[in-house]
Protein backbone atom coordinates (compact mmCIF):
# COMPACT_ATOMS: atom_id res chain seq x y z
CA MET A 1 0.00 0.00 0.00
CA GLU A 2 2.97 2.30 0.44
CA GLN A 3 3.13 2.91 -3.33
CA TYR A 4 -0.34 4.51 -3.19
CA LYS A 5 0.63 7.24 -0.75
CA PHE A 6 1.01 10.83 -1.92
CA ASN A 7 4.04 12.78 -0.84
CA SER A 8 3.39 15.84 1.31
CA ASN A 9 3.69 18.29 -1.59
CA ASP A 10 1.19 16.35 -3.74
CA SER A 11 -1.14 16.07 -0.75
CA ARG A 12 -0.98 19.85 -0.29
CA ILE A 13 -1.76 20.40 -3.99
CA ILE A 14 -4.78 18.07 -3.76
CA VAL A 15 -6.12 19.69 -0.59
CA ASN A 16 -5.72 23.16 -2.11
CA ALA A 17 -7.65 22.03 -5.21
CA ILE A 18 -10.43 20.60 -3.02
CA VAL A 19 -10.68 23.86 -1.05
CA GLU A 20 -10.64 25.95 -4.24
CA GLY A 21 -13.33 23.76 -5.83
CA TYR A 22 -15.47 24.01 -2.71
CA ARG A 23 -15.10 27.81 -2.66
CA ASP A 24 -16.15 28.00 -6.31
CA TYR A 25 -19.15 25.83 -5.47
CA ILE A 26 -20.16 28.08 -2.55
CA GLU A 27 -19.88 31.21 -4.68
CA HIS A 28 -21.96 29.57 -7.39
CA ARG A 29 -24.61 28.50 -4.85
CA LYS A 30 -24.80 32.01 -3.43
CA ASP A 31 -25.13 33.50 -6.92
CA ARG A 32 -27.85 31.01 -7.93
CA HIS A 33 -29.68 31.58 -4.63
CA ASN A 34 -29.78 35.31 -5.34
CA LYS A 35 -30.78 35.00 -8.99
CA MET A 36 -33.24 32.10 -9.01
CA LYS A 37 -36.60 31.42 -7.43
CA ILE A 38 -35.38 27.95 -6.43
CA SER A 39 -31.83 26.68 -6.47
CA SER A 40 -31.63 23.85 -3.95
CA ALA A 41 -30.74 21.26 -6.63
CA PHE A 42 -27.32 22.92 -6.91
CA ALA A 43 -26.48 21.14 -3.65
CA TRP A 44 -25.92 18.03 -5.81
CA THR A 45 -23.20 19.74 -7.89
CA LYS A 46 -20.56 20.18 -5.18
CA GLY A 47 -18.64 17.09 -6.26
CA ASN A 48 -18.45 18.36 -9.85
CA PHE A 49 -16.76 21.57 -8.73
CA ILE A 50 -14.23 19.71 -6.59
CA GLU A 51 -13.52 17.00 -9.17
CA SER A 52 -13.05 19.62 -11.89
CA LYS A 53 -10.47 21.49 -9.81
CA ILE A 54 -8.56 18.27 -9.14
CA ALA A 55 -8.69 17.47 -12.87
CA ASP A 56 -7.29 20.96 -13.60
CA ILE A 57 -4.20 20.23 -11.50
CA ASN A 58 -3.73 16.59 -12.52
CA GLY A 59 -0.77 17.58 -14.73
CA ASP A 60 1.10 18.63 -11.58
CA LEU A 61 0.52 15.18 -10.08
CA ASN A 62 0.86 11.60 -11.15
CA LEU A 63 -2.89 11.34 -11.81
CA SER A 64 -5.08 10.73 -14.77
CA TYR A 65 -8.86 10.68 -14.83
CA LYS A 66 -11.79 9.50 -16.86
CA LYS A 67 -15.48 10.22 -16.82
CA ALA A 68 -17.47 7.45 -15.15
CA LYS A 69 -21.11 6.80 -14.27
CA ALA A 70 -22.85 5.77 -11.08
CA GLY A 71 -26.31 4.77 -12.21
CA LEU A 72 -28.12 6.26 -15.17
CA THR A 73 -27.58 9.98 -14.63
CA TRP A 74 -24.76 10.53 -12.17
CA ASP A 75 -21.47 11.31 -13.94
CA TYR A 76 -18.29 11.76 -11.96
CA LEU A 77 -14.54 11.83 -12.57
CA GLN A 78 -12.65 8.70 -11.64
CA PHE A 79 -9.03 9.47 -10.76
CA ILE A 80 -6.24 6.99 -11.41
CA LEU A 81 -2.88 7.17 -9.67
CA LEU A 82 -0.14 6.48 -12.22
CA ILE A 83 2.64 4.49 -10.62
């Protein structure tokens, strides 16, 4: 299992991407809340924001990704650690 561990710099990059994706999501939720009559369904998009940010920085890491499905309508990014 040791080969699947991230070094501390890669871990920091991933955490920063997660935080940045979450912040983008929050800003988007606030904007939609202010502009729409109903916007609660945006709660289901948080993962997309976070996954997209991680995908943006995958070139800095040893990661690749592909689009995957969970059920009929739920798309997500599946990340693969390249060793």
